[in-house]
Amino acid sequence: MKSISFIFNKAPYGLQNSRELLDICLMSSAFEMPISVIFKEQGILQLLKNQQPEVLAMKNHSKTFQALELYGVEKVMICEESFKELNLNKADLLDIGTYANKETINQVIAHSHFVQML
């Protein structure tokens, strides 16, 4: 069976890229293929609680990530190294994924048939 990985590696606002990638991810779930969602580098900021994008005249899409499980996305990974580099606390983020090291994340990406990223 074919699999796909979606990589969020850019900050959440400024452009619509992250919202569009999230929409593509949710639509892909209709094809019933294994989907992995990976947050690394600045993409981890997508998961920050209490975002206020309306200041930038943008809609808040961060809570939509909580719907991934409802769409059948079972593998959501947050890069441990990126998390530490951003000096965040786990309480700062939505509780939707597991923390994994770069090696594990790279293995998931390498075994995916399709990879989409910002």
N, C-alpha and C. Protein backbone atom coordinates (compact mmCIF):
# COMPACT_ATOMS: atom_id res chain seq x y z
N MET A 1 0.84 -1.18 0.00
CA MET A 1 0.00 0.00 0.00
C MET A 1 0.89 1.24 0.00
N LYS A 2 0.53 2.22 -0.79
CA LYS A 2 1.27 3.49 -0.87
C LYS A 2 1.06 4.28 0.42
N SER A 3 2.07 5.07 0.79
CA SER A 3 1.98 5.91 1.99
C SER A 3 2.44 7.32 1.64
N ILE A 4 2.03 8.25 2.48
CA ILE A 4 2.37 9.66 2.25
C ILE A 4 2.76 10.32 3.56
N SER A 5 3.74 11.19 3.49
CA SER A 5 4.15 11.99 4.65
C SER A 5 3.98 13.46 4.34
N PHE A 6 3.44 14.18 5.31
CA PHE A 6 3.29 15.62 5.21
C PHE A 6 4.23 16.24 6.24
N ILE A 7 5.10 17.13 5.77
CA ILE A 7 6.10 17.73 6.64
C ILE A 7 5.81 19.22 6.80
N PHE A 8 5.56 19.61 8.04
CA PHE A 8 5.37 21.02 8.37
C PHE A 8 6.69 21.50 8.96
N ASN A 9 7.39 22.36 8.22
CA ASN A 9 8.70 22.82 8.68
C ASN A 9 8.86 24.34 8.62
N LYS A 10 7.76 25.04 8.41
CA LYS A 10 7.80 26.51 8.37
C LYS A 10 6.84 27.07 9.42
N ALA A 11 7.08 28.31 9.82
CA ALA A 11 6.22 28.99 10.78
C ALA A 11 4.79 29.06 10.24
N PRO A 12 3.81 29.12 11.12
CA PRO A 12 2.42 28.96 10.69
C PRO A 12 1.79 30.10 9.90
N TYR A 13 2.22 31.31 10.08
CA TYR A 13 1.49 32.41 9.45
C TYR A 13 2.40 33.29 8.62
N GLY A 14 1.80 34.09 7.78
CA GLY A 14 2.54 34.93 6.85
C GLY A 14 2.12 34.57 5.44
N LEU A 15 2.06 33.28 5.17
CA LEU A 15 1.58 32.75 3.90
C LEU A 15 0.50 31.72 4.19
N GLN A 16 -0.22 31.32 3.19
CA GLN A 16 -1.26 30.31 3.35
C GLN A 16 -0.74 28.89 3.19
N ASN A 17 0.56 28.72 2.99
CA ASN A 17 1.12 27.39 2.71
C ASN A 17 0.74 26.35 3.74
N SER A 18 0.87 26.69 5.02
CA SER A 18 0.61 25.68 6.04
C SER A 18 -0.86 25.28 6.06
N ARG A 19 -1.74 26.24 5.87
CA ARG A 19 -3.18 25.93 5.83
C ARG A 19 -3.49 25.05 4.62
N GLU A 20 -2.89 25.36 3.49
CA GLU A 20 -3.12 24.57 2.28
C GLU A 20 -2.57 23.15 2.43
N LEU A 21 -1.40 23.00 3.04
CA LEU A 21 -0.84 21.67 3.25
C LEU A 21 -1.72 20.86 4.20
N LEU A 22 -2.24 21.51 5.22
CA LEU A 22 -3.15 20.83 6.14
C LEU A 22 -4.42 20.38 5.40
N ASP A 23 -4.95 21.22 4.55
CA ASP A 23 -6.14 20.85 3.77
C ASP A 23 -5.85 19.65 2.86
N ILE A 24 -4.70 19.65 2.22
CA ILE A 24 -4.32 18.52 1.35
C ILE A 24 -4.18 17.24 2.17
N CYS A 25 -3.61 17.37 3.35
CA CYS A 25 -3.46 16.22 4.24
C CYS A 25 -4.84 15.64 4.60
N LEU A 26 -5.76 16.49 4.99
CA LEU A 26 -7.09 16.01 5.37
C LEU A 26 -7.82 15.40 4.18
N MET A 27 -7.68 15.99 3.00
CA MET A 27 -8.31 15.42 1.81
C MET A 27 -7.69 14.07 1.44
N SER A 28 -6.39 13.93 1.65
CA SER A 28 -5.70 12.67 1.32
C SER A 28 -6.21 11.51 2.15
N SER A 29 -6.75 11.80 3.30
CA SER A 29 -7.25 10.73 4.16
C SER A 29 -8.39 9.96 3.50
N ALA A 30 -9.05 10.55 2.53
CA ALA A 30 -10.14 9.88 1.83
C ALA A 30 -9.64 8.71 0.98
N PHE A 31 -8.35 8.70 0.67
CA PHE A 31 -7.78 7.63 -0.15
C PHE A 31 -7.34 6.43 0.67
N GLU A 32 -7.55 6.49 1.96
CA GLU A 32 -7.29 5.37 2.86
C GLU A 32 -5.89 4.79 2.72
N MET A 33 -4.91 5.68 2.64
CA MET A 33 -3.52 5.24 2.64
C MET A 33 -2.89 5.71 3.95
N PRO A 34 -1.86 5.03 4.43
CA PRO A 34 -1.20 5.48 5.65
C PRO A 34 -0.61 6.88 5.48
N ILE A 35 -0.92 7.74 6.43
CA ILE A 35 -0.46 9.13 6.40
C ILE A 35 0.35 9.41 7.65
N SER A 36 1.51 10.02 7.44
CA SER A 36 2.34 10.50 8.55
C SER A 36 2.38 12.02 8.47
N VAL A 37 2.26 12.66 9.62
CA VAL A 37 2.39 14.11 9.69
C VAL A 37 3.57 14.40 10.61
N ILE A 38 4.49 15.21 10.10
CA ILE A 38 5.74 15.47 10.81
C ILE A 38 5.89 16.98 11.02
N PHE A 39 6.19 17.36 12.25
CA PHE A 39 6.46 18.75 12.58
C PHE A 39 7.92 18.86 12.97
N LYS A 40 8.66 19.69 12.24
CA LYS A 40 10.06 19.89 12.57
C LYS A 40 10.44 21.33 12.27
N GLU A 41 11.60 21.72 12.77
CA GLU A 41 12.12 23.08 12.61
C GLU A 41 11.05 24.08 13.05
N GLN A 42 10.84 25.15 12.30
CA GLN A 42 9.84 26.17 12.66
C GLN A 42 8.41 25.64 12.56
N GLY A 43 8.23 24.51 11.89
CA GLY A 43 6.90 23.92 11.75
C GLY A 43 6.27 23.53 13.07
N ILE A 44 7.08 23.31 14.08
CA ILE A 44 6.54 22.98 15.41
C ILE A 44 5.68 24.12 15.93
N LEU A 45 5.98 25.33 15.50
CA LEU A 45 5.20 26.49 15.95
C LEU A 45 3.74 26.40 15.49
N GLN A 46 3.45 25.53 14.52
CA GLN A 46 2.07 25.30 14.10
C GLN A 46 1.22 24.81 15.27
N LEU A 47 1.86 24.15 16.22
CA LEU A 47 1.15 23.50 17.32
C LEU A 47 1.06 24.34 18.59
N LEU A 48 1.55 25.57 18.55
CA LEU A 48 1.47 26.43 19.73
C LEU A 48 0.02 26.70 20.11
N LYS A 49 -0.26 26.63 21.39
CA LYS A 49 -1.59 26.97 21.90
C LYS A 49 -1.75 28.49 21.90
N ASN A 50 -2.98 28.94 21.94
CA ASN A 50 -3.31 30.36 22.11
C ASN A 50 -2.73 31.28 21.03
N GLN A 51 -2.72 30.81 19.81
CA GLN A 51 -2.25 31.66 18.71
C GLN A 51 -3.29 32.74 18.42
N GLN A 52 -2.83 33.86 17.91
CA GLN A 52 -3.71 34.99 17.59
C GLN A 52 -3.44 35.51 16.18
N PRO A 53 -3.68 34.69 15.16
CA PRO A 53 -3.39 35.11 13.79
C PRO A 53 -4.32 36.20 13.27
N GLU A 54 -5.43 36.43 13.97
CA GLU A 54 -6.33 37.49 13.53
C GLU A 54 -5.64 38.85 13.54
N VAL A 55 -4.58 38.99 14.32
CA VAL A 55 -3.77 40.21 14.33
C VAL A 55 -3.19 40.44 12.94
N LEU A 56 -2.92 39.35 12.22
CA LEU A 56 -2.40 39.41 10.86
C LEU A 56 -3.51 39.30 9.81
N ALA A 57 -4.75 39.38 10.27
CA ALA A 57 -5.93 39.23 9.40
C ALA A 57 -5.96 37.85 8.75
N MET A 58 -5.57 36.83 9.53
CA MET A 58 -5.59 35.45 9.05
C MET A 58 -6.43 34.60 10.00
N LYS A 59 -6.93 33.48 9.49
CA LYS A 59 -7.71 32.57 10.30
C LYS A 59 -6.79 31.62 11.06
N ASN A 60 -7.22 31.25 12.25
CA ASN A 60 -6.45 30.32 13.08
C ASN A 60 -6.76 28.90 12.63
N HIS A 61 -5.77 28.21 12.10
CA HIS A 61 -5.96 26.83 11.66
C HIS A 61 -5.29 25.83 12.59
N SER A 62 -4.62 26.30 13.63
CA SER A 62 -3.85 25.39 14.47
C SER A 62 -4.72 24.33 15.16
N LYS A 63 -5.90 24.68 15.56
CA LYS A 63 -6.76 23.70 16.23
C LYS A 63 -7.26 22.62 15.28
N THR A 64 -7.19 22.87 13.99
CA THR A 64 -7.60 21.87 13.01
C THR A 64 -6.68 20.66 13.08
N PHE A 65 -5.45 20.85 13.55
CA PHE A 65 -4.53 19.72 13.68
C PHE A 65 -5.09 18.68 14.65
N GLN A 66 -5.92 19.11 15.59
CA GLN A 66 -6.52 18.16 16.53
C GLN A 66 -7.49 17.21 15.83
N ALA A 67 -7.92 17.54 14.62
CA ALA A 67 -8.84 16.68 13.88
C ALA A 67 -8.12 15.59 13.10
N LEU A 68 -6.81 15.60 13.08
CA LEU A 68 -6.07 14.60 12.30
C LEU A 68 -6.49 13.18 12.67
N GLU A 69 -6.63 12.90 13.93
CA GLU A 69 -7.02 11.56 14.36
C GLU A 69 -8.40 11.18 13.83
N LEU A 70 -9.31 12.14 13.81
CA LEU A 70 -10.66 11.89 13.28
C LEU A 70 -10.63 11.54 11.80
N TYR A 71 -9.62 12.02 11.11
CA TYR A 71 -9.46 11.74 9.68
C TYR A 71 -8.63 10.49 9.42
N GLY A 72 -8.30 9.76 10.47
CA GLY A 72 -7.57 8.52 10.31
C GLY A 72 -6.07 8.64 10.26
N VAL A 73 -5.55 9.82 10.56
CA VAL A 73 -4.10 10.01 10.59
C VAL A 73 -3.60 9.50 11.94
N GLU A 74 -2.88 8.42 11.90
CA GLU A 74 -2.45 7.78 13.15
C GLU A 74 -1.04 8.15 13.57
N LYS A 75 -0.21 8.57 12.63
CA LYS A 75 1.19 8.86 12.97
C LYS A 75 1.44 10.36 12.85
N VAL A 76 1.56 11.02 14.00
CA VAL A 76 1.90 12.43 14.07
C VAL A 76 3.16 12.53 14.92
N MET A 77 4.20 13.10 14.33
CA MET A 77 5.50 13.13 15.00
C MET A 77 6.02 14.56 15.12
N ILE A 78 6.66 14.82 16.26
CA ILE A 78 7.28 16.11 16.54
C ILE A 78 8.77 15.86 16.74
N CYS A 79 9.58 16.58 16.02
CA CYS A 79 11.03 16.39 16.09
C CYS A 79 11.56 16.88 17.44
N GLU A 80 12.15 15.96 18.20
CA GLU A 80 12.70 16.30 19.52
C GLU A 80 13.78 17.37 19.45
N GLU A 81 14.68 17.22 18.49
CA GLU A 81 15.79 18.16 18.38
C GLU A 81 15.29 19.57 18.06
N SER A 82 14.35 19.67 17.14
CA SER A 82 13.79 20.99 16.79
C SER A 82 13.05 21.58 17.98
N PHE A 83 12.33 20.73 18.69
CA PHE A 83 11.58 21.17 19.87
C PHE A 83 12.54 21.79 20.89
N LYS A 84 13.65 21.12 21.13
CA LYS A 84 14.64 21.63 22.09
C LYS A 84 15.28 22.92 21.60
N GLU A 85 15.58 23.00 20.29
CA GLU A 85 16.19 24.20 19.73
C GLU A 85 15.28 25.42 19.87
N LEU A 86 13.97 25.20 19.81
CA LEU A 86 13.02 26.30 19.94
C LEU A 86 12.75 26.66 21.40
N ASN A 87 13.34 25.88 22.32
CA ASN A 87 13.22 26.16 23.75
C ASN A 87 11.76 26.25 24.21
N LEU A 88 10.98 25.28 23.78
CA LEU A 88 9.56 25.24 24.14
C LEU A 88 9.32 24.26 25.28
N ASN A 89 8.17 24.39 25.90
CA ASN A 89 7.71 23.43 26.89
C ASN A 89 6.59 22.62 26.26
N LYS A 90 6.46 21.36 26.64
CA LYS A 90 5.40 20.53 26.08
C LYS A 90 4.03 21.12 26.37
N ALA A 91 3.89 21.82 27.48
CA ALA A 91 2.61 22.44 27.83
C ALA A 91 2.24 23.57 26.86
N ASP A 92 3.23 24.07 26.09
CA ASP A 92 2.98 25.16 25.14
C ASP A 92 2.30 24.66 23.87
N LEU A 93 2.35 23.34 23.62
CA LEU A 93 1.87 22.77 22.36
C LEU A 93 0.59 21.98 22.52
N LEU A 94 -0.16 21.91 21.43
CA LEU A 94 -1.31 21.02 21.39
C LEU A 94 -0.81 19.59 21.59
N ASP A 95 -1.54 18.81 22.31
CA ASP A 95 -1.13 17.44 22.62
C ASP A 95 -1.67 16.50 21.55
N ILE A 96 -0.98 16.45 20.39
CA ILE A 96 -1.51 15.63 19.30
C ILE A 96 -0.52 14.62 18.74
N GLY A 97 0.71 14.65 19.17
CA GLY A 97 1.69 13.75 18.55
C GLY A 97 2.66 13.16 19.53
N THR A 98 3.57 12.38 19.00
CA THR A 98 4.64 11.82 19.81
C THR A 98 5.95 12.48 19.39
N TYR A 99 6.87 12.52 20.31
CA TYR A 99 8.17 13.12 20.04
C TYR A 99 9.10 12.02 19.52
N ALA A 100 9.82 12.35 18.46
CA ALA A 100 10.73 11.38 17.84
C ALA A 100 12.02 12.08 17.45
N ASN A 101 13.10 11.32 17.42
CA ASN A 101 14.38 11.91 17.03
C ASN A 101 14.46 12.00 15.50
N LYS A 102 15.46 12.75 15.03
CA LYS A 102 15.61 12.98 13.59
C LYS A 102 15.79 11.69 12.81
N GLU A 103 16.51 10.75 13.39
CA GLU A 103 16.75 9.48 12.71
C GLU A 103 15.43 8.74 12.44
N THR A 104 14.58 8.67 13.44
CA THR A 104 13.28 8.01 13.28
C THR A 104 12.44 8.73 12.24
N ILE A 105 12.43 10.04 12.30
CA ILE A 105 11.66 10.84 11.35
C ILE A 105 12.19 10.62 9.93
N ASN A 106 13.49 10.62 9.76
CA ASN A 106 14.07 10.41 8.44
C ASN A 106 13.74 9.02 7.89
N GLN A 107 13.65 8.03 8.76
CA GLN A 107 13.26 6.68 8.33
C GLN A 107 11.81 6.66 7.83
N VAL A 108 10.93 7.36 8.54
CA VAL A 108 9.54 7.43 8.11
C VAL A 108 9.45 8.10 6.74
N ILE A 109 10.17 9.19 6.57
CA ILE A 109 10.17 9.90 5.29
C ILE A 109 10.73 9.01 4.18
N ALA A 110 11.82 8.33 4.47
CA ALA A 110 12.46 7.47 3.46
C ALA A 110 11.55 6.33 3.01
N HIS A 111 10.69 5.86 3.89
CA HIS A 111 9.80 4.75 3.55
C HIS A 111 8.45 5.21 2.98
N SER A 112 8.25 6.51 2.89
CA SER A 112 7.01 7.04 2.31
C SER A 112 7.10 7.04 0.79
N HIS A 113 6.02 6.72 0.15
CA HIS A 113 5.99 6.75 -1.32
C HIS A 113 5.85 8.18 -1.83
N PHE A 114 5.17 9.01 -1.08
CA PHE A 114 4.97 10.41 -1.45
C PHE A 114 5.30 11.27 -0.25
N VAL A 115 5.92 12.45 -0.50
CA VAL A 115 6.25 13.38 0.55
C VAL A 115 5.81 14.77 0.10
N GLN A 116 5.05 15.44 0.96
CA GLN A 116 4.62 16.81 0.69
C GLN A 116 5.11 17.69 1.84
N MET A 117 5.66 18.83 1.50
CA MET A 117 6.11 19.75 2.54
C MET A 117 5.87 21.19 2.10
N LEU A 118 5.97 22.08 3.08
CA LEU A 118 5.76 23.51 2.79
C LEU A 118 6.82 24.02 1.85
